[in-house]
N, C-alpha and C. Protein backbone atom coordinates (compact mmCIF):
# COMPACT_ATOMS: atom_id res chain seq x y z
N MET A 1 40.70 41.51 24.18
CA MET A 1 41.59 40.39 23.78
C MET A 1 42.40 41.49 22.58
N ASP A 2 41.74 42.46 21.83
CA ASP A 2 42.16 42.84 20.60
C ASP A 2 42.76 43.74 21.30
N THR A 3 42.74 44.49 22.38
CA THR A 3 43.09 45.15 23.30
C THR A 3 44.31 44.85 23.56
N ALA A 4 44.44 43.85 24.22
CA ALA A 4 46.00 43.57 25.25
C ALA A 4 46.32 42.52 23.70
N LEU A 5 45.78 42.56 23.00
CA LEU A 5 47.09 42.32 21.80
C LEU A 5 47.98 43.64 20.89
N SER A 6 46.94 44.08 21.03
CA SER A 6 47.53 45.74 20.78
C SER A 6 48.18 45.64 21.85
N ALA A 7 47.96 46.21 22.55
CA ALA A 7 49.01 46.95 23.88
C ALA A 7 50.73 45.63 23.58
N MET A 8 49.73 44.45 23.16
CA MET A 8 51.82 44.00 23.33
C MET A 8 52.06 44.04 22.09
N VAL A 9 51.92 44.65 20.98
CA VAL A 9 52.81 44.50 19.52
C VAL A 9 53.34 45.70 20.16
N THR A 10 52.12 47.11 20.45
CA THR A 10 52.82 48.11 20.50
C THR A 10 54.06 48.20 21.73
N GLN A 11 54.18 47.44 22.65
CA GLN A 11 55.29 47.39 23.41
C GLN A 11 55.95 46.16 22.63
N THR A 12 55.71 45.61 22.22
CA THR A 12 56.82 44.74 21.13
C THR A 12 57.86 45.95 20.05
N ARG A 13 57.23 46.98 19.97
CA ARG A 13 58.06 47.21 18.65
C ARG A 13 58.78 48.66 19.53
N ILE A 14 57.99 48.95 20.30
CA ILE A 14 58.54 49.87 21.74
C ILE A 14 60.36 49.15 22.08
N VAL A 15 60.24 47.70 22.74
CA VAL A 15 61.00 47.54 23.00
C VAL A 15 61.76 47.05 21.63
N PHE A 16 62.14 46.73 20.64
CA PHE A 16 62.73 46.98 19.55
C PHE A 16 63.10 48.18 19.19
N SER A 17 62.24 49.10 19.41
CA SER A 17 62.90 50.06 18.83
C SER A 17 64.05 51.00 20.07
N GLU A 18 63.77 50.50 21.03
CA GLU A 18 64.42 51.16 22.28
C GLU A 18 66.15 49.94 22.11
N TYR A 19 65.97 48.69 21.85
CA TYR A 19 67.38 47.77 21.38
C TYR A 19 68.17 48.36 20.73
N ALA A 20 67.14 48.76 19.21
CA ALA A 20 67.83 49.22 18.13
C ALA A 20 68.10 50.58 19.00
N ALA A 21 68.39 51.43 19.94
CA ALA A 21 68.76 52.70 20.13
C ALA A 21 69.34 52.75 21.11
N GLY A 22 69.62 51.53 21.86
CA GLY A 22 70.62 51.06 22.62
C GLY A 22 70.70 51.46 24.03
N ARG A 23 69.45 51.69 24.22
CA ARG A 23 68.70 51.36 25.10
C ARG A 23 68.35 50.63 26.50
N PHE A 24 68.97 49.79 26.74
CA PHE A 24 68.70 48.40 26.87
C PHE A 24 68.25 48.71 28.42
N ASP A 25 68.17 49.79 29.48
CA ASP A 25 67.29 49.61 30.54
C ASP A 25 65.63 49.90 30.06
N SER A 26 65.94 51.22 29.38
CA SER A 26 64.14 51.11 28.82
C SER A 26 63.89 49.64 28.13
N ALA A 27 64.21 49.49 27.09
CA ALA A 27 64.00 47.87 26.91
C ALA A 27 63.14 47.21 28.18
N SER A 28 64.45 46.86 28.88
CA SER A 28 64.41 46.17 29.69
C SER A 28 62.77 46.21 30.34
N ARG A 29 62.50 47.95 31.03
CA ARG A 29 61.28 47.99 31.60
C ARG A 29 60.25 47.41 30.67
N HIS A 30 60.09 48.27 29.46
CA HIS A 30 59.23 47.89 27.89
C HIS A 30 59.07 46.73 28.09
N MET A 31 59.93 45.09 28.23
CA MET A 31 60.15 44.17 28.42
C MET A 31 59.52 43.37 29.09
N ALA A 32 59.17 44.82 30.53
CA ALA A 32 59.06 44.01 31.67
C ALA A 32 57.48 43.59 31.51
N GLU A 33 57.03 45.68 30.83
CA GLU A 33 55.86 45.95 30.89
C GLU A 33 54.45 44.88 29.81
N MET A 34 55.37 44.89 28.88
CA MET A 34 55.42 43.81 28.43
C MET A 34 54.61 42.37 28.29
N ASP A 35 55.39 41.62 29.56
CA ASP A 35 55.26 40.79 30.43
C ASP A 35 54.02 40.50 31.42
N ARG A 36 53.45 41.85 32.04
CA ARG A 36 52.33 41.59 32.56
C ARG A 36 51.68 41.70 31.75
N GLU A 37 51.37 42.75 30.79
CA GLU A 37 50.14 42.37 29.85
C GLU A 37 49.98 40.73 29.10
N TYR A 38 51.11 39.91 29.18
CA TYR A 38 51.27 38.63 28.31
C TYR A 38 50.21 38.56 29.35
N ALA A 39 50.60 38.55 30.70
CA ALA A 39 50.22 37.56 31.99
C ALA A 39 48.72 37.99 31.57
N THR A 40 48.03 39.69 31.69
CA THR A 40 46.93 39.09 31.57
C THR A 40 46.49 38.88 30.11
N LEU A 41 46.95 39.50 29.38
CA LEU A 41 46.61 38.14 28.07
C LEU A 41 46.27 36.71 28.08
N ASN A 42 46.96 36.00 28.64
CA ASN A 42 47.39 34.81 28.97
C ASN A 42 45.74 34.95 29.67
N ALA A 43 46.03 35.69 31.44
CA ALA A 43 44.66 34.86 32.34
C ALA A 43 43.71 35.02 31.60
N THR A 44 43.27 35.84 30.40
CA THR A 44 41.88 36.65 29.03
C THR A 44 41.56 35.31 28.77
N PHE A 45 43.03 34.98 28.33
CA PHE A 45 42.54 33.16 27.45
C PHE A 45 41.91 32.35 28.44
N ARG A 46 42.45 32.62 29.64
CA ARG A 46 42.67 30.68 30.14
C ARG A 46 41.24 31.54 30.73
N ASN A 47 40.76 32.77 30.82
CA ASN A 47 38.81 33.09 31.26
C ASN A 47 38.69 32.19 30.44
N LEU A 48 38.80 33.00 28.70
CA LEU A 48 38.17 32.18 27.83
C LEU A 48 38.28 30.74 27.23
N GLN A 49 38.74 30.29 28.11
CA GLN A 49 39.32 29.20 27.48
C GLN A 49 38.00 28.47 28.05
N THR A 50 37.78 28.57 29.91
CA THR A 50 36.87 28.22 31.13
C THR A 50 35.90 28.36 30.50
N ASP A 51 35.21 29.62 29.96
CA ASP A 51 34.61 29.76 28.98
C ASP A 51 33.82 29.03 28.26
N ILE A 52 34.92 29.11 27.49
CA ILE A 52 34.56 27.43 26.19
C ILE A 52 33.59 26.25 26.86
N THR A 53 35.16 25.88 27.64
CA THR A 53 35.11 24.75 28.67
C THR A 53 33.17 24.62 28.68
N LYS A 54 32.64 25.64 29.62
CA LYS A 54 31.32 25.78 30.39
C LYS A 54 30.25 25.68 29.24
N ILE A 55 30.91 26.35 27.82
CA ILE A 55 29.88 26.78 27.22
C ILE A 55 29.84 24.94 26.03
N GLN A 56 30.70 24.63 26.25
CA GLN A 56 30.62 22.96 25.52
C GLN A 56 29.92 22.15 26.20
N GLN A 57 30.49 21.84 27.04
CA GLN A 57 29.98 21.55 28.50
C GLN A 57 28.28 21.21 28.82
N GLU A 58 28.31 22.22 28.78
CA GLU A 58 25.80 22.68 29.09
C GLU A 58 25.46 22.20 27.10
N ARG A 59 27.10 22.44 26.57
CA ARG A 59 25.95 22.10 24.95
C ARG A 59 25.81 20.42 24.82
N PHE A 60 27.78 20.01 25.37
CA PHE A 60 27.58 18.55 25.81
C PHE A 60 25.65 18.32 26.17
N ASP A 61 25.84 18.32 27.63
CA ASP A 61 24.64 17.79 28.84
C ASP A 61 23.43 18.18 28.09
N ARG A 62 23.11 18.97 26.74
CA ARG A 62 22.09 19.24 26.56
C ARG A 62 22.03 18.34 25.17
N GLU A 63 23.00 17.76 24.85
CA GLU A 63 22.55 16.79 23.47
C GLU A 63 22.88 15.86 24.12
N ILE A 64 23.42 14.65 25.34
CA ILE A 64 23.52 13.92 26.32
C ILE A 64 21.91 13.63 26.45
N GLY A 65 21.22 15.16 26.96
CA GLY A 65 19.48 14.81 27.56
C GLY A 65 19.30 14.38 26.53
N GLY A 66 19.63 15.56 25.61
CA GLY A 66 18.33 14.77 23.65
C GLY A 66 18.44 13.58 23.33
N ALA A 67 19.46 12.59 23.58
CA ALA A 67 19.83 12.08 22.93
C ALA A 67 19.16 11.11 24.49
N THR A 68 19.35 10.68 25.13
CA THR A 68 18.84 10.09 26.40
C THR A 68 17.35 9.74 26.35
N ALA A 69 16.80 11.69 25.85
CA ALA A 69 15.47 11.17 25.96
C ALA A 69 14.67 10.23 23.97
N LEU A 70 15.33 10.81 23.32
CA LEU A 70 15.40 10.50 21.92
C LEU A 70 15.47 8.43 22.14
N ARG A 71 16.87 7.97 23.45
CA ARG A 71 16.43 6.52 23.49
C ARG A 71 15.81 5.50 23.68
N ARG A 72 14.90 6.99 25.46
CA ARG A 72 13.98 6.46 25.52
C ARG A 72 12.74 6.71 24.70
N LEU A 73 12.43 7.23 23.49
CA LEU A 73 11.22 6.91 22.55
C LEU A 73 12.26 6.16 21.60
N GLN A 74 12.98 6.04 21.30
CA GLN A 74 12.57 4.53 20.77
C GLN A 74 12.98 3.30 21.03
N HIS A 75 13.29 3.05 22.85
CA HIS A 75 12.74 2.00 23.20
C HIS A 75 11.44 1.84 23.70
N LEU A 76 10.59 2.70 23.66
CA LEU A 76 9.48 2.31 23.72
C LEU A 76 8.94 2.63 22.68
N ILE A 77 9.40 2.88 21.35
CA ILE A 77 8.70 2.80 19.90
C ILE A 77 8.84 1.11 19.10
N SER A 78 10.15 1.19 19.84
CA SER A 78 10.88 -0.59 20.11
C SER A 78 9.65 -1.07 20.68
N LEU A 79 9.41 -0.71 21.79
CA LEU A 79 8.41 -2.33 22.54
C LEU A 79 7.13 -1.92 22.07
N GLY A 80 6.70 -0.57 21.46
CA GLY A 80 5.56 -0.43 20.96
C GLY A 80 5.42 -1.62 19.74
N VAL A 81 6.86 -1.29 18.73
CA VAL A 81 6.57 -2.63 17.77
C VAL A 81 6.69 -3.97 17.90
N VAL A 82 6.83 -4.30 19.13
CA VAL A 82 7.50 -6.01 20.27
C VAL A 82 5.52 -5.83 19.95
N LEU A 83 5.01 -5.36 21.18
CA LEU A 83 3.98 -5.62 20.61
C LEU A 83 3.06 -6.01 20.20
N MET A 84 2.97 -4.72 19.10
CA MET A 84 2.40 -4.94 18.42
C MET A 84 2.53 -5.94 16.89
N VAL A 85 4.08 -6.70 16.77
CA VAL A 85 4.17 -7.58 16.52
C VAL A 85 3.21 -9.18 17.53
N LEU A 86 3.33 -8.93 18.45
CA LEU A 86 3.19 -10.41 19.12
C LEU A 86 2.15 -9.82 19.15
N GLY A 87 1.46 -8.79 18.74
CA GLY A 87 -0.64 -8.62 18.81
C GLY A 87 -0.72 -9.02 17.50
N MET A 88 0.05 -8.75 16.41
CA MET A 88 -0.61 -9.81 14.84
C MET A 88 -0.23 -11.20 15.53
N SER A 89 0.57 -11.17 15.61
CA SER A 89 1.21 -13.10 15.82
C SER A 89 0.11 -14.01 16.27
N TYR A 90 0.06 -13.37 17.31
CA TYR A 90 -1.19 -14.09 18.24
C TYR A 90 -2.47 -13.84 17.54
N TYR A 91 -2.80 -13.27 16.78
CA TYR A 91 -4.22 -12.61 16.17
C TYR A 91 -4.23 -13.50 14.73
N GLY A 92 -2.87 -13.62 13.94
CA GLY A 92 -2.85 -14.55 12.90
C GLY A 92 -3.01 -16.13 13.20
N PHE A 93 -2.17 -16.18 14.47
CA PHE A 93 -2.23 -17.03 14.96
C PHE A 93 -3.51 -17.91 15.10
N ARG A 94 -4.25 -17.05 16.57
CA ARG A 94 -6.05 -16.95 16.11
C ARG A 94 -7.24 -17.79 14.90
N LEU A 95 -6.78 -17.40 13.85
CA LEU A 95 -7.56 -16.38 12.56
C LEU A 95 -6.80 -17.89 12.08
N SER A 96 -5.65 -18.35 11.77
CA SER A 96 -5.17 -19.40 11.21
C SER A 96 -6.56 -20.69 11.86
N ARG A 97 -6.09 -20.25 13.28
CA ARG A 97 -6.71 -21.68 13.56
C ARG A 97 -8.41 -21.76 13.91
N GLY A 98 -8.66 -20.81 13.70
CA GLY A 98 -10.49 -20.49 13.51
C GLY A 98 -10.03 -20.85 11.81
N ILE A 99 -9.09 -20.40 10.85
CA ILE A 99 -9.96 -21.00 9.35
C ILE A 99 -9.67 -22.36 9.20
N ALA A 100 -8.72 -23.25 10.25
CA ALA A 100 -7.63 -24.70 10.29
C ALA A 100 -9.51 -25.33 10.46
N GLU A 101 -10.05 -24.96 11.62
CA GLU A 101 -10.82 -25.21 12.29
C GLU A 101 -11.98 -25.47 12.08
N SER A 102 -12.66 -24.55 10.53
CA SER A 102 -13.51 -24.35 9.79
C SER A 102 -13.53 -25.07 8.71
N ILE A 103 -11.72 -25.75 8.50
CA ILE A 103 -11.93 -25.92 6.93
C ILE A 103 -12.24 -27.76 7.30
N LYS A 104 -11.54 -28.24 8.28
CA LYS A 104 -11.83 -29.38 9.00
C LYS A 104 -13.13 -29.96 9.20
N GLU A 105 -14.29 -28.28 9.33
CA GLU A 105 -15.25 -28.88 10.11
C GLU A 105 -16.27 -28.89 8.56
N LYS A 106 -15.75 -28.10 7.44
CA LYS A 106 -16.32 -28.21 6.30
C LYS A 106 -15.70 -29.52 5.63
N ASP A 107 -14.45 -29.96 6.00
CA ASP A 107 -14.18 -31.77 5.52
C ASP A 107 -14.96 -32.78 6.16
N ARG A 108 -15.16 -32.32 7.79
CA ARG A 108 -15.96 -33.43 8.12
C ARG A 108 -17.14 -33.20 7.29
N ASP A 109 -17.71 -31.99 6.85
CA ASP A 109 -19.25 -32.42 5.92
C ASP A 109 -19.38 -33.11 5.18
N LEU A 110 -17.96 -32.64 4.04
CA LEU A 110 -17.85 -32.94 2.77
C LEU A 110 -18.02 -34.40 3.34
N ARG A 111 -17.76 -35.56 3.91
CA ARG A 111 -17.31 -37.07 3.99
C ARG A 111 -18.91 -37.15 4.48
N ALA A 112 -19.94 -36.28 5.45
CA ALA A 112 -20.73 -36.57 5.58
C ALA A 112 -21.37 -37.05 4.66
N ILE A 113 -21.82 -35.45 3.64
CA ILE A 113 -22.40 -35.53 2.65
C ILE A 113 -22.15 -36.59 1.63
N GLU A 114 -20.30 -36.92 1.84
CA GLU A 114 -20.05 -38.42 0.56
C GLU A 114 -21.00 -39.79 0.77
N THR A 115 -20.59 -39.73 2.39
CA THR A 115 -20.82 -41.26 2.95
C THR A 115 -22.32 -41.63 2.62
N SER A 116 -23.41 -39.89 2.63
CA SER A 116 -24.60 -40.08 2.81
C SER A 116 -25.39 -40.01 1.14
N GLU A 117 -24.61 -39.78 0.05
CA GLU A 117 -24.14 -40.03 -0.93
C GLU A 117 -23.87 -41.42 -1.47
N GLU A 118 -23.03 -41.61 -0.74
CA GLU A 118 -22.85 -43.37 -1.40
C GLU A 118 -23.62 -44.54 -0.36
N ARG A 119 -24.27 -44.20 0.60
CA ARG A 119 -25.97 -44.74 1.62
C ARG A 119 -26.55 -44.72 0.47
N TYR A 120 -27.00 -43.46 0.31
CA TYR A 120 -28.36 -43.41 -1.33
C TYR A 120 -27.86 -44.17 -1.92
N ARG A 121 -26.79 -44.10 -3.02
CA ARG A 121 -26.71 -44.56 -3.98
C ARG A 121 -26.98 -46.33 -3.58
N ILE A 122 -26.03 -46.43 -2.63
CA ILE A 122 -26.36 -47.99 -2.42
C ILE A 122 -28.09 -48.62 -1.68
N LEU A 123 -28.80 -47.59 -1.20
CA LEU A 123 -29.78 -48.23 -1.04
C LEU A 123 -31.16 -47.71 -2.41
N SER A 124 -30.18 -47.19 -3.37
CA SER A 124 -30.93 -46.76 -5.13
C SER A 124 -30.93 -48.00 -4.96
N GLU A 125 -29.63 -48.56 -5.53
CA GLU A 125 -29.35 -49.67 -6.27
C GLU A 125 -30.08 -50.95 -6.05
N GLU A 126 -29.94 -50.59 -4.11
CA GLU A 126 -30.77 -51.78 -3.32
C GLU A 126 -32.16 -51.60 -3.79
N LEU A 127 -32.99 -50.51 -3.54
CA LEU A 127 -34.41 -50.34 -4.12
C LEU A 127 -34.96 -50.94 -5.27
N ASP A 128 -33.51 -50.04 -6.30
CA ASP A 128 -33.83 -50.76 -7.60
C ASP A 128 -34.50 -52.15 -7.56
N GLN A 129 -32.59 -53.13 -7.15
CA GLN A 129 -33.03 -54.08 -7.77
C GLN A 129 -34.22 -55.31 -6.76
N ARG A 130 -34.17 -54.68 -5.83
CA ARG A 130 -35.60 -55.25 -5.35
C ARG A 130 -37.45 -55.10 -5.85
N VAL A 131 -36.95 -53.47 -6.70
CA VAL A 131 -38.21 -53.74 -7.58
C VAL A 131 -38.21 -54.42 -8.36
N GLN A 132 -37.01 -53.91 -9.45
CA GLN A 132 -36.78 -55.02 -10.16
C GLN A 132 -37.24 -56.83 -9.52
N GLU A 133 -37.41 -57.38 -9.24
CA GLU A 133 -36.92 -58.19 -8.86
C GLU A 133 -38.34 -58.61 -8.46
N ARG A 134 -39.07 -57.24 -7.51
CA ARG A 134 -40.67 -57.74 -7.06
C ARG A 134 -41.45 -57.55 -8.53
N THR A 135 -41.09 -57.12 -9.13
CA THR A 135 -41.25 -56.66 -10.48
C THR A 135 -41.69 -58.27 -11.20
N ALA A 136 -40.25 -58.52 -11.22
CA ALA A 136 -40.48 -60.13 -12.57
C ALA A 136 -41.32 -61.32 -11.30
N GLN A 137 -41.32 -60.55 -10.00
CA GLN A 137 -41.55 -61.29 -9.42
C GLN A 137 -43.61 -61.69 -9.59
N LEU A 138 -43.66 -60.55 -9.18
CA LEU A 138 -45.36 -59.88 -9.44
C LEU A 138 -45.56 -59.98 -11.15
N GLU A 139 -44.84 -59.76 -12.38
CA GLU A 139 -44.90 -60.54 -13.83
C GLU A 139 -44.97 -61.87 -13.60
N GLU A 140 -43.88 -62.89 -12.24
CA GLU A 140 -43.99 -64.39 -12.29
C GLU A 140 -45.79 -64.85 -11.88
N THR A 141 -46.09 -64.04 -10.84
CA THR A 141 -47.69 -64.11 -9.95
C THR A 141 -48.20 -63.77 -10.98
N ASN A 142 -48.58 -63.13 -11.80
CA ASN A 142 -49.27 -62.38 -12.59
C ASN A 142 -49.60 -63.46 -13.87
N SER A 143 -48.25 -63.75 -14.50
CA SER A 143 -48.07 -64.76 -15.40
C SER A 143 -49.59 -66.01 -14.91
N ALA A 144 -48.85 -66.52 -13.57
CA ALA A 144 -49.22 -67.71 -12.82
C ALA A 144 -51.01 -67.75 -12.50
N LEU A 145 -51.39 -66.03 -12.02
CA LEU A 145 -52.57 -66.30 -12.12
C LEU A 145 -53.46 -65.94 -13.39
N THR A 146 -52.38 -65.53 -14.68
CA THR A 146 -53.39 -65.56 -15.55
C THR A 146 -53.57 -66.87 -16.30
N GLU A 147 -52.55 -67.77 -16.03
CA GLU A 147 -52.48 -69.08 -16.21
C GLU A 147 -53.71 -70.01 -15.29
N SER A 148 -53.68 -69.65 -14.08
CA SER A 148 -54.20 -70.37 -13.18
C SER A 148 -56.40 -70.05 -13.61
N GLU A 149 -56.11 -68.95 -13.92
CA GLU A 149 -57.96 -68.62 -14.47
C GLU A 149 -57.45 -69.79 -15.96
N VAL A 150 -56.71 -68.75 -16.57
CA VAL A 150 -56.98 -69.69 -17.47
C VAL A 150 -57.84 -71.42 -16.97
N VAL A 151 -56.96 -71.79 -16.55
CA VAL A 151 -57.05 -73.47 -16.15
C VAL A 151 -58.56 -73.47 -15.50
N ALA A 152 -59.02 -72.28 -14.77
CA ALA A 152 -59.83 -72.35 -13.67
C ALA A 152 -61.21 -72.14 -15.14
N MET A 153 -60.90 -71.45 -15.70
CA MET A 153 -62.23 -71.08 -16.86
C MET A 153 -62.83 -71.93 -18.29
N ARG A 154 -61.39 -72.89 -18.03
CA ARG A 154 -61.43 -73.96 -19.09
C ARG A 154 -62.11 -75.53 -18.24
N ALA A 155 -61.60 -75.08 -16.64
CA ALA A 155 -62.43 -76.38 -15.83
C ALA A 155 -63.88 -75.87 -15.54
N ARG A 156 -64.16 -74.87 -15.33
CA ARG A 156 -65.46 -74.43 -15.27
C ARG A 156 -66.24 -74.64 -16.19
N GLU A 157 -65.99 -74.18 -17.84
CA GLU A 157 -66.16 -75.25 -18.72
C GLU A 157 -66.18 -76.39 -19.29
N ALA A 158 -65.23 -76.47 -18.50
CA ALA A 158 -65.15 -78.47 -18.85
C ALA A 158 -66.74 -79.19 -17.80
N ALA A 159 -66.29 -78.25 -16.77
CA ALA A 159 -67.86 -78.44 -15.86
C ALA A 159 -68.74 -78.31 -16.04
N GLU A 160 -69.05 -76.81 -16.49
CA GLU A 160 -70.42 -76.45 -17.35
C GLU A 160 -70.74 -77.81 -18.32
N THR A 161 -70.12 -78.30 -19.13
CA THR A 161 -70.44 -79.16 -20.17
C THR A 161 -70.07 -79.94 -19.27
N ALA A 162 -69.84 -81.01 -18.70
CA ALA A 162 -69.83 -82.09 -17.91
C ALA A 162 -70.95 -81.79 -17.31
N ASN A 163 -71.65 -80.95 -16.87
CA ASN A 163 -72.72 -80.52 -16.00
C ASN A 163 -73.71 -80.29 -17.11
N ARG A 164 -73.94 -80.21 -18.31
CA ARG A 164 -74.86 -80.01 -19.37
C ARG A 164 -75.20 -81.56 -19.55
N ALA A 165 -73.93 -81.96 -19.74
CA ALA A 165 -73.93 -84.19 -20.12
C ALA A 165 -74.60 -84.47 -19.16
N LYS A 166 -74.37 -84.48 -17.73
CA LYS A 166 -74.89 -85.16 -17.02
C LYS A 166 -76.31 -84.76 -17.08
N SER A 167 -77.15 -83.39 -16.76
CA SER A 167 -78.25 -83.00 -17.09
C SER A 167 -79.29 -83.25 -18.00
N GLU A 168 -78.30 -83.54 -19.09
CA GLU A 168 -79.07 -84.23 -20.40
C GLU A 168 -78.85 -86.08 -20.48
N PHE A 169 -77.88 -86.27 -19.36
CA PHE A 169 -77.86 -87.60 -19.01
C PHE A 169 -79.07 -88.14 -18.33
N LEU A 170 -79.28 -87.10 -17.52
CA LEU A 170 -80.29 -87.54 -16.32
C LEU A 170 -81.58 -87.65 -16.43
N ALA A 171 -82.05 -86.74 -17.68
CA ALA A 171 -82.88 -86.16 -18.60
C ALA A 171 -82.83 -87.37 -19.50
N ASN A 172 -82.26 -87.88 -20.00
CA ASN A 172 -82.68 -88.26 -21.08
C ASN A 172 -82.91 -90.24 -20.11
N MET A 173 -82.40 -90.28 -18.81
CA MET A 173 -82.66 -91.49 -18.12
C MET A 173 -83.93 -91.34 -17.06
N SER A 174 -83.66 -90.20 -16.88
CA SER A 174 -85.31 -90.24 -16.02
C SER A 174 -86.19 -90.65 -17.11
N HIS A 175 -86.19 -89.85 -18.92
CA HIS A 175 -87.44 -89.55 -19.39
C HIS A 175 -87.32 -90.95 -20.09
N GLU A 176 -86.05 -92.00 -19.87
CA GLU A 176 -86.17 -93.27 -20.24
C GLU A 176 -86.77 -94.32 -19.40
N ILE A 177 -86.41 -94.59 -18.00
CA ILE A 177 -86.85 -94.49 -16.84
C ILE A 177 -88.67 -94.13 -16.83
N ARG A 178 -88.93 -93.60 -16.75
CA ARG A 178 -90.58 -92.98 -17.18
C ARG A 178 -91.89 -93.93 -18.26
N THR A 179 -90.16 -93.63 -19.26
CA THR A 179 -91.23 -93.93 -20.31
C THR A 179 -91.00 -95.86 -20.66
N PRO A 180 -92.20 -96.83 -20.67
CA PRO A 180 -91.23 -97.84 -21.51
C PRO A 180 -90.83 -98.39 -22.06
N MET A 181 -90.52 -99.15 -22.40
CA MET A 181 -90.00 -99.53 -23.70
C MET A 181 -90.78 -100.35 -24.75
């Protein structure tokens, strides 16, 4: 290309010098020669342009291929991320459901314990009340029994006194009946 340009520049100088010298035929021949070299230069430019276009197209195709591969990779990564998010969501759902069930079970257990404690408290109060009632009844019964024992002892003492009096009376009467007056 440099050679063709140098040849054209040389031919141009020759054409101008021939015109300046008044040799128009020689200038026209050199001009025709310059046109042929210009055609060669244009053909070289077209070939160069075709080669550059091919190189650009090859690079463009490679870049499109790389971009397509990157896009596929991006889609695969996106799919992986979506699957991970779905998996984590499912795991979180199951975990929260398990925790909720555990909390519900503990609530039921706490309510059962509270109910049992309430029953125990009520039964304990009832038992205390019954024990107090039975203690009061037992104290009344013991008091009545003690009074009965006292009454029985007095009655026995009275009976013994009466029995002694009777025995003395009978002994006196028997003695009186046996002894004449």
